Amino acid sequence: MKEQEAKTVHEGLITESLSNGMFRVRLDNENLVLGYISGKIRRGFIRILPGDRVKIEISRYDSTKGRIIYRFDKKEDSNEYE
């Protein structure tokens, strides 16, 4: 069996919507990454808009790209929106 690649999970804010399900995400540690929608979110027709808080999974080999795996509800997020 092949061992799965280690990924880190971060939270961030969508700052810009790009084409083909790509988004610019500002992480909580102020880094900017390019995020794409995971298949589960795409199949569930979950809308992601600028200003939404998301959970993003980033590979340890390429820290400039990541996969968006979860979108927080407005009421679920404990932080204040700007």
PDB file of N, CA and C in Angstrom:
ATOM      1  N   MET A   1       0.834  -1.198   0.000  1.00  0.00           N
ATOM      2  CA  MET A   1       0.000   0.000   0.000  1.00  0.00           C
ATOM      3  C   MET A   1       0.868   1.247   0.000  1.00  0.00           C
ATOM      4  N   LYS A   2       0.414   2.221  -0.744  1.00  0.00           N
ATOM      5  CA  LYS A   2       1.147   3.483  -0.819  1.00  0.00           C
ATOM      6  C   LYS A   2       0.703   4.394   0.324  1.00  0.00           C
ATOM      7  N   GLU A   3       1.668   4.947   1.021  1.00  0.00           N
ATOM      8  CA  GLU A   3       1.364   5.840   2.132  1.00  0.00           C
ATOM      9  C   GLU A   3       0.897   7.177   1.580  1.00  0.00           C
ATOM     10  N   GLN A   4      -0.154   7.752   2.210  1.00  0.00           N
ATOM     11  CA  GLN A   4      -0.691   9.018   1.736  1.00  0.00           C
ATOM     12  C   GLN A   4       0.259  10.164   2.040  1.00  0.00           C
ATOM     13  N   GLU A   5       0.234  11.140   1.144  1.00  0.00           N
ATOM     14  CA  GLU A   5       1.074  12.328   1.285  1.00  0.00           C
ATOM     15  C   GLU A   5       0.570  13.169   2.462  1.00  0.00           C
ATOM     16  N   ALA A   6       1.491  13.681   3.261  1.00  0.00           N
ATOM     17  CA  ALA A   6       1.122  14.509   4.406  1.00  0.00           C
ATOM     18  C   ALA A   6       0.693  15.890   3.930  1.00  0.00           C
ATOM     19  N   LYS A   7      -0.481  16.319   4.370  1.00  0.00           N
ATOM     20  CA  LYS A   7      -1.007  17.624   4.009  1.00  0.00           C
ATOM     21  C   LYS A   7      -1.338  18.388   5.283  1.00  0.00           C
ATOM     22  N   THR A   8      -1.223  19.706   5.205  1.00  0.00           N
ATOM     23  CA  THR A   8      -1.605  20.536   6.339  1.00  0.00           C
ATOM     24  C   THR A   8      -2.925  21.218   6.019  1.00  0.00           C
ATOM     25  N   VAL A   9      -3.757  21.389   7.032  1.00  0.00           N
ATOM     26  CA  VAL A   9      -5.063  22.014   6.869  1.00  0.00           C
ATOM     27  C   VAL A   9      -5.022  23.378   7.540  1.00  0.00           C
ATOM     28  N   HIS A  10      -5.419  24.414   6.788  1.00  0.00           N
ATOM     29  CA  HIS A  10      -5.439  25.789   7.281  1.00  0.00           C
ATOM     30  C   HIS A  10      -6.826  26.373   7.076  1.00  0.00           C
ATOM     31  N   GLU A  11      -7.096  27.472   7.755  1.00  0.00           N
ATOM     32  CA  GLU A  11      -8.313  28.229   7.533  1.00  0.00           C
ATOM     33  C   GLU A  11      -7.934  29.549   6.899  1.00  0.00           C
ATOM     34  N   GLY A  12      -8.835  30.067   6.054  1.00  0.00           N
ATOM     35  CA  GLY A  12      -8.547  31.321   5.384  1.00  0.00           C
ATOM     36  C   GLY A  12      -9.801  31.997   4.879  1.00  0.00           C
ATOM     37  N   LEU A  13      -9.593  33.120   4.218  1.00  0.00           N
ATOM     38  CA  LEU A  13     -10.671  33.954   3.705  1.00  0.00           C
ATOM     39  C   LEU A  13     -10.519  34.068   2.197  1.00  0.00           C
ATOM     40  N   ILE A  14     -11.610  33.857   1.458  1.00  0.00           N
ATOM     41  CA  ILE A  14     -11.591  34.003   0.009  1.00  0.00           C
ATOM     42  C   ILE A  14     -11.497  35.492  -0.317  1.00  0.00           C
ATOM     43  N   THR A  15     -10.474  35.892  -1.069  1.00  0.00           N
ATOM     44  CA  THR A  15     -10.324  37.300  -1.412  1.00  0.00           C
ATOM     45  C   THR A  15     -10.687  37.587  -2.858  1.00  0.00           C
ATOM     46  N   GLU A  16     -10.551  36.584  -3.732  1.00  0.00           N
ATOM     47  CA  GLU A  16     -10.802  36.820  -5.152  1.00  0.00           C
ATOM     48  C   GLU A  16     -11.278  35.527  -5.803  1.00  0.00           C
ATOM     49  N   SER A  17     -12.252  35.650  -6.701  1.00  0.00           N
ATOM     50  CA  SER A  17     -12.766  34.509  -7.451  1.00  0.00           C
ATOM     51  C   SER A  17     -12.142  34.527  -8.842  1.00  0.00           C
ATOM     52  N   LEU A  18     -11.524  33.430  -9.228  1.00  0.00           N
ATOM     53  CA  LEU A  18     -10.883  33.305 -10.542  1.00  0.00           C
ATOM     54  C   LEU A  18     -11.687  32.319 -11.390  1.00  0.00           C
ATOM     55  N   SER A  19     -11.242  32.037 -12.590  1.00  0.00           N
ATOM     56  CA  SER A  19     -11.990  31.144 -13.477  1.00  0.00           C
ATOM     57  C   SER A  19     -11.793  29.675 -13.101  1.00  0.00           C
ATOM     58  N   ASN A  20     -12.705  28.837 -13.566  1.00  0.00           N
ATOM     59  CA  ASN A  20     -12.647  27.379 -13.420  1.00  0.00           C
ATOM     60  C   ASN A  20     -12.572  26.893 -11.978  1.00  0.00           C
ATOM     61  N   GLY A  21     -13.303  27.523 -11.083  1.00  0.00           N
ATOM     62  CA  GLY A  21     -13.337  27.061  -9.701  1.00  0.00           C
ATOM     63  C   GLY A  21     -12.069  27.323  -8.923  1.00  0.00           C
ATOM     64  N   MET A  22     -11.307  28.330  -9.337  1.00  0.00           N
ATOM     65  CA  MET A  22     -10.085  28.693  -8.631  1.00  0.00           C
ATOM     66  C   MET A  22     -10.339  29.962  -7.827  1.00  0.00           C
ATOM     67  N   PHE A  23      -9.683  30.059  -6.683  1.00  0.00           N
ATOM     68  CA  PHE A  23      -9.869  31.195  -5.786  1.00  0.00           C
ATOM     69  C   PHE A  23      -8.538  31.616  -5.195  1.00  0.00           C
ATOM     70  N   ARG A  24      -8.419  32.903  -4.888  1.00  0.00           N
ATOM     71  CA  ARG A  24      -7.268  33.416  -4.150  1.00  0.00           C
ATOM     72  C   ARG A  24      -7.687  33.410  -2.684  1.00  0.00           C
ATOM     73  N   VAL A  25      -6.907  32.746  -1.828  1.00  0.00           N
ATOM     74  CA  VAL A  25      -7.248  32.578  -0.419  1.00  0.00           C
ATOM     75  C   VAL A  25      -6.162  33.209   0.444  1.00  0.00           C
ATOM     76  N   ARG A  26      -6.561  34.070   1.377  1.00  0.00           N
ATOM     77  CA  ARG A  26      -5.630  34.640   2.362  1.00  0.00           C
ATOM     78  C   ARG A  26      -5.764  33.809   3.634  1.00  0.00           C
ATOM     79  N   LEU A  27      -4.697  33.109   3.972  1.00  0.00           N
ATOM     80  CA  LEU A  27      -4.708  32.254   5.160  1.00  0.00           C
ATOM     81  C   LEU A  27      -4.659  33.106   6.422  1.00  0.00           C
ATOM     82  N   ASP A  28      -4.943  32.480   7.558  1.00  0.00           N
ATOM     83  CA  ASP A  28      -4.909  33.186   8.836  1.00  0.00           C
ATOM     84  C   ASP A  28      -3.508  33.679   9.184  1.00  0.00           C
ATOM     85  N   ASN A  29      -2.476  33.041   8.617  1.00  0.00           N
ATOM     86  CA  ASN A  29      -1.103  33.498   8.863  1.00  0.00           C
ATOM     87  C   ASN A  29      -0.646  34.494   7.803  1.00  0.00           C
ATOM     88  N   GLU A  30      -1.595  35.123   7.084  1.00  0.00           N
ATOM     89  CA  GLU A  30      -1.378  36.198   6.099  1.00  0.00           C
ATOM     90  C   GLU A  30      -0.715  35.739   4.794  1.00  0.00           C
ATOM     91  N   ASN A  31      -0.549  34.441   4.546  1.00  0.00           N
ATOM     92  CA  ASN A  31      -0.033  33.965   3.266  1.00  0.00           C
ATOM     93  C   ASN A  31      -1.156  33.924   2.236  1.00  0.00           C
ATOM     94  N   LEU A  32      -0.823  34.187   0.970  1.00  0.00           N
ATOM     95  CA  LEU A  32      -1.783  34.079  -0.126  1.00  0.00           C
ATOM     96  C   LEU A  32      -1.517  32.787  -0.882  1.00  0.00           C
ATOM     97  N   VAL A  33      -2.562  31.993  -1.108  1.00  0.00           N
ATOM     98  CA  VAL A  33      -2.430  30.755  -1.873  1.00  0.00           C
ATOM     99  C   VAL A  33      -3.535  30.702  -2.920  1.00  0.00           C
ATOM    100  N   LEU A  34      -3.319  29.884  -3.932  1.00  0.00           N
ATOM    101  CA  LEU A  34      -4.296  29.644  -4.976  1.00  0.00           C
ATOM    102  C   LEU A  34      -5.044  28.373  -4.601  1.00  0.00           C
ATOM    103  N   GLY A  35      -6.361  28.481  -4.452  1.00  0.00           N
ATOM    104  CA  GLY A  35      -7.150  27.329  -4.029  1.00  0.00           C
ATOM    105  C   GLY A  35      -8.103  26.883  -5.116  1.00  0.00           C
ATOM    106  N   TYR A  36      -8.294  25.566  -5.226  1.00  0.00           N
ATOM    107  CA  TYR A  36      -9.273  25.038  -6.164  1.00  0.00           C
ATOM    108  C   TYR A  36     -10.287  24.211  -5.383  1.00  0.00           C
ATOM    109  N   ILE A  37     -11.469  24.056  -5.954  1.00  0.00           N
ATOM    110  CA  ILE A  37     -12.569  23.387  -5.262  1.00  0.00           C
ATOM    111  C   ILE A  37     -12.371  21.874  -5.323  1.00  0.00           C
ATOM    112  N   SER A  38     -12.610  21.200  -4.202  1.00  0.00           N
ATOM    113  CA  SER A  38     -12.533  19.745  -4.189  1.00  0.00           C
ATOM    114  C   SER A  38     -13.760  19.172  -4.904  1.00  0.00           C
ATOM    115  N   GLY A  39     -13.670  17.931  -5.298  1.00  0.00           N
ATOM    116  CA  GLY A  39     -14.756  17.282  -6.027  1.00  0.00           C
ATOM    117  C   GLY A  39     -16.035  17.179  -5.221  1.00  0.00           C
ATOM    118  N   LYS A  40     -15.928  16.982  -3.925  1.00  0.00           N
ATOM    119  CA  LYS A  40     -17.100  16.857  -3.068  1.00  0.00           C
ATOM    120  C   LYS A  40     -17.898  18.164  -3.033  1.00  0.00           C
ATOM    121  N   ILE A  41     -17.182  19.289  -2.959  1.00  0.00           N
ATOM    122  CA  ILE A  41     -17.847  20.593  -2.965  1.00  0.00           C
ATOM    123  C   ILE A  41     -18.465  20.854  -4.339  1.00  0.00           C
ATOM    124  N   ARG A  42     -17.770  20.473  -5.395  1.00  0.00           N
ATOM    125  CA  ARG A  42     -18.284  20.659  -6.758  1.00  0.00           C
ATOM    126  C   ARG A  42     -19.544  19.826  -6.982  1.00  0.00           C
ATOM    127  N   ARG A  43     -19.555  18.572  -6.527  1.00  0.00           N
ATOM    128  CA  ARG A  43     -20.719  17.706  -6.690  1.00  0.00           C
ATOM    129  C   ARG A  43     -21.908  18.183  -5.864  1.00  0.00           C
ATOM    130  N   GLY A  44     -21.617  18.784  -4.712  1.00  0.00           N
ATOM    131  CA  GLY A  44     -22.694  19.262  -3.843  1.00  0.00           C
ATOM    132  C   GLY A  44     -23.233  20.622  -4.223  1.00  0.00           C
ATOM    133  N   PHE A  45     -22.721  21.229  -5.306  1.00  0.00           N
ATOM    134  CA  PHE A  45     -23.148  22.554  -5.780  1.00  0.00           C
ATOM    135  C   PHE A  45     -23.066  23.606  -4.679  1.00  0.00           C
ATOM    136  N   ILE A  46     -22.004  23.549  -3.884  1.00  0.00           N
ATOM    137  CA  ILE A  46     -21.811  24.526  -2.805  1.00  0.00           C
ATOM    138  C   ILE A  46     -21.181  25.777  -3.398  1.00  0.00           C
ATOM    139  N   ARG A  47     -21.827  26.899  -3.194  1.00  0.00           N
ATOM    140  CA  ARG A  47     -21.339  28.173  -3.740  1.00  0.00           C
ATOM    141  C   ARG A  47     -20.281  28.761  -2.821  1.00  0.00           C
ATOM    142  N   ILE A  48     -19.195  29.207  -3.410  1.00  0.00           N
ATOM    143  CA  ILE A  48     -18.136  29.881  -2.661  1.00  0.00           C
ATOM    144  C   ILE A  48     -17.965  31.264  -3.274  1.00  0.00           C
ATOM    145  N   LEU A  49     -18.054  32.282  -2.433  1.00  0.00           N
ATOM    146  CA  LEU A  49     -17.970  33.665  -2.884  1.00  0.00           C
ATOM    147  C   LEU A  49     -16.862  34.392  -2.136  1.00  0.00           C
ATOM    148  N   PRO A  50     -16.362  35.493  -2.694  1.00  0.00           N
ATOM    149  CA  PRO A  50     -15.379  36.299  -1.951  1.00  0.00           C
ATOM    150  C   PRO A  50     -15.965  36.764  -0.615  1.00  0.00           C
ATOM    151  N   GLY A  51     -15.172  36.632   0.440  1.00  0.00           N
ATOM    152  CA  GLY A  51     -15.630  36.960   1.789  1.00  0.00           C
ATOM    153  C   GLY A  51     -15.977  35.740   2.616  1.00  0.00           C
ATOM    154  N   ASP A  52     -16.076  34.573   1.997  1.00  0.00           N
ATOM    155  CA  ASP A  52     -16.374  33.338   2.730  1.00  0.00           C
ATOM    156  C   ASP A  52     -15.121  32.815   3.423  1.00  0.00           C
ATOM    157  N   ARG A  53     -15.309  32.194   4.584  1.00  0.00           N
ATOM    158  CA  ARG A  53     -14.213  31.528   5.282  1.00  0.00           C
ATOM    159  C   ARG A  53     -14.225  30.062   4.874  1.00  0.00           C
ATOM    160  N   VAL A  54     -13.041  29.525   4.587  1.00  0.00           N
ATOM    161  CA  VAL A  54     -12.925  28.153   4.107  1.00  0.00           C
ATOM    162  C   VAL A  54     -11.805  27.425   4.841  1.00  0.00           C
ATOM    163  N   LYS A  55     -11.849  26.114   4.746  1.00  0.00           N
ATOM    164  CA  LYS A  55     -10.774  25.252   5.227  1.00  0.00           C
ATOM    165  C   LYS A  55     -10.076  24.736   3.977  1.00  0.00           C
ATOM    166  N   ILE A  56      -8.743  24.875   3.918  1.00  0.00           N
ATOM    167  CA  ILE A  56      -7.982  24.521   2.728  1.00  0.00           C
ATOM    168  C   ILE A  56      -6.852  23.558   3.101  1.00  0.00           C
ATOM    169  N   GLU A  57      -6.659  22.569   2.256  1.00  0.00           N
ATOM    170  CA  GLU A  57      -5.654  21.523   2.472  1.00  0.00           C
ATOM    171  C   GLU A  57      -4.477  21.812   1.548  1.00  0.00           C
ATOM    172  N   ILE A  58      -3.272  21.976   2.127  1.00  0.00           N
ATOM    173  CA  ILE A  58      -2.092  22.372   1.361  1.00  0.00           C
ATOM    174  C   ILE A  58      -1.028  21.284   1.464  1.00  0.00           C
ATOM    175  N   SER A  59      -0.445  20.945   0.317  1.00  0.00           N
ATOM    176  CA  SER A  59       0.612  19.946   0.275  1.00  0.00           C
ATOM    177  C   SER A  59       1.896  20.520   0.857  1.00  0.00           C
ATOM    178  N   ARG A  60       2.709  19.683   1.445  1.00  0.00           N
ATOM    179  CA  ARG A  60       3.972  20.179   1.998  1.00  0.00           C
ATOM    180  C   ARG A  60       4.995  20.400   0.903  1.00  0.00           C
ATOM    181  N   TYR A  61       4.750  19.881  -0.301  1.00  0.00           N
ATOM    182  CA  TYR A  61       5.695  20.031  -1.400  1.00  0.00           C
ATOM    183  C   TYR A  61       5.486  21.321  -2.181  1.00  0.00           C
ATOM    184  N   ASP A  62       4.241  21.797  -2.287  1.00  0.00           N
ATOM    185  CA  ASP A  62       3.944  23.032  -3.011  1.00  0.00           C
ATOM    186  C   ASP A  62       3.015  23.869  -2.141  1.00  0.00           C
ATOM    187  N   SER A  63       3.572  24.845  -1.457  1.00  0.00           N
ATOM    188  CA  SER A  63       2.782  25.641  -0.509  1.00  0.00           C
ATOM    189  C   SER A  63       2.079  26.826  -1.167  1.00  0.00           C
ATOM    190  N   THR A  64       2.065  26.893  -2.507  1.00  0.00           N
ATOM    191  CA  THR A  64       1.383  27.994  -3.187  1.00  0.00           C
ATOM    192  C   THR A  64      -0.006  27.598  -3.677  1.00  0.00           C
ATOM    193  N   LYS A  65      -0.335  26.306  -3.635  1.00  0.00           N
ATOM    194  CA  LYS A  65      -1.633  25.819  -4.110  1.00  0.00           C
ATOM    195  C   LYS A  65      -2.264  24.928  -3.051  1.00  0.00           C
ATOM    196  N   GLY A  66      -3.589  24.906  -3.058  1.00  0.00           N
ATOM    197  CA  GLY A  66      -4.281  24.056  -2.102  1.00  0.00           C
ATOM    198  C   GLY A  66      -5.674  23.703  -2.582  1.00  0.00           C
ATOM    199  N   ARG A  67      -6.277  22.731  -1.911  1.00  0.00           N
ATOM    200  CA  ARG A  67      -7.618  22.275  -2.254  1.00  0.00           C
ATOM    201  C   ARG A  67      -8.588  22.723  -1.176  1.00  0.00           C
ATOM    202  N   ILE A  68      -9.649  23.420  -1.582  1.00  0.00           N
ATOM    203  CA  ILE A  68     -10.668  23.895  -0.645  1.00  0.00           C
ATOM    204  C   ILE A  68     -11.564  22.706  -0.312  1.00  0.00           C
ATOM    205  N   ILE A  69     -11.603  22.341   0.973  1.00  0.00           N
ATOM    206  CA  ILE A  69     -12.338  21.142   1.372  1.00  0.00           C
ATOM    207  C   ILE A  69     -13.587  21.444   2.197  1.00  0.00           C
ATOM    208  N   TYR A  70     -13.749  22.698   2.660  1.00  0.00           N
ATOM    209  CA  TYR A  70     -14.906  23.009   3.498  1.00  0.00           C
ATOM    210  C   TYR A  70     -15.170  24.506   3.483  1.00  0.00           C
ATOM    211  N   ARG A  71     -16.452  24.894   3.421  1.00  0.00           N
ATOM    212  CA  ARG A  71     -16.838  26.304   3.538  1.00  0.00           C
ATOM    213  C   ARG A  71     -17.626  26.459   4.824  1.00  0.00           C
ATOM    214  N   PHE A  72     -17.176  27.389   5.681  1.00  0.00           N
ATOM    215  CA  PHE A  72     -17.850  27.627   6.946  1.00  0.00           C
ATOM    216  C   PHE A  72     -19.128  28.428   6.730  1.00  0.00           C
ATOM    217  N   ASP A  73     -20.151  28.129   7.529  1.00  0.00           N
ATOM    218  CA  ASP A  73     -21.354  28.964   7.558  1.00  0.00           C
ATOM    219  C   ASP A  73     -21.017  30.247   8.286  1.00  0.00           C
ATOM    220  N   LYS A  74     -21.764  31.297   8.013  1.00  0.00           N
ATOM    221  CA  LYS A  74     -21.527  32.579   8.687  1.00  0.00           C
ATOM    222  C   LYS A  74     -21.717  32.425  10.196  1.00  0.00           C
ATOM    223  N   LYS A  75     -22.758  31.700  10.619  1.00  0.00           N
ATOM    224  CA  LYS A  75     -23.031  31.535  12.051  1.00  0.00           C
ATOM    225  C   LYS A  75     -22.066  30.560  12.711  1.00  0.00           C
ATOM    226  N   GLU A  76     -21.463  29.657  11.918  1.00  0.00           N
ATOM    227  CA  GLU A  76     -20.560  28.640  12.454  1.00  0.00           C
ATOM    228  C   GLU A  76     -19.183  29.220  12.797  1.00  0.00           C
ATOM    229  N   ASP A  77     -18.788  30.287  12.101  1.00  0.00           N
ATOM    230  CA  ASP A  77     -17.464  30.885  12.293  1.00  0.00           C
ATOM    231  C   ASP A  77     -17.496  31.767  13.526  1.00  0.00           C
ATOM    232  N   SER A  78     -16.521  31.640  14.381  1.00  0.00           N
ATOM    233  CA  SER A  78     -16.478  32.424  15.615  1.00  0.00           C
ATOM    234  C   SER A  78     -15.829  33.788  15.414  1.00  0.00           C
ATOM    235  N   ASN A  79     -15.046  33.957  14.333  1.00  0.00           N
ATOM    236  CA  ASN A  79     -14.370  35.238  14.084  1.00  0.00           C
ATOM    237  C   ASN A  79     -15.336  36.242  13.490  1.00  0.00           C
ATOM    238  N   GLU A  80     -15.030  37.516  13.681  1.00  0.00           N
ATOM    239  CA  GLU A  80     -15.834  38.589  13.113  1.00  0.00           C
ATOM    240  C   GLU A  80     -15.483  38.763  11.644  1.00  0.00           C
ATOM    241  N   TYR A  81     -16.511  39.057  10.830  1.00  0.00           N
ATOM    242  CA  TYR A  81     -16.276  39.372   9.421  1.00  0.00           C
ATOM    243  C   TYR A  81     -16.013  40.849   9.275  1.00  0.00           C
ATOM    244  N   GLU A  82     -15.159  41.175   8.302  1.00  0.00           N
ATOM    245  CA  GLU A  82     -14.832  42.582   8.093  1.00  0.00           C
ATOM    246  C   GLU A  82     -15.700  43.183   7.033  1.00  0.00           C
TER     247      GLU A  82
END
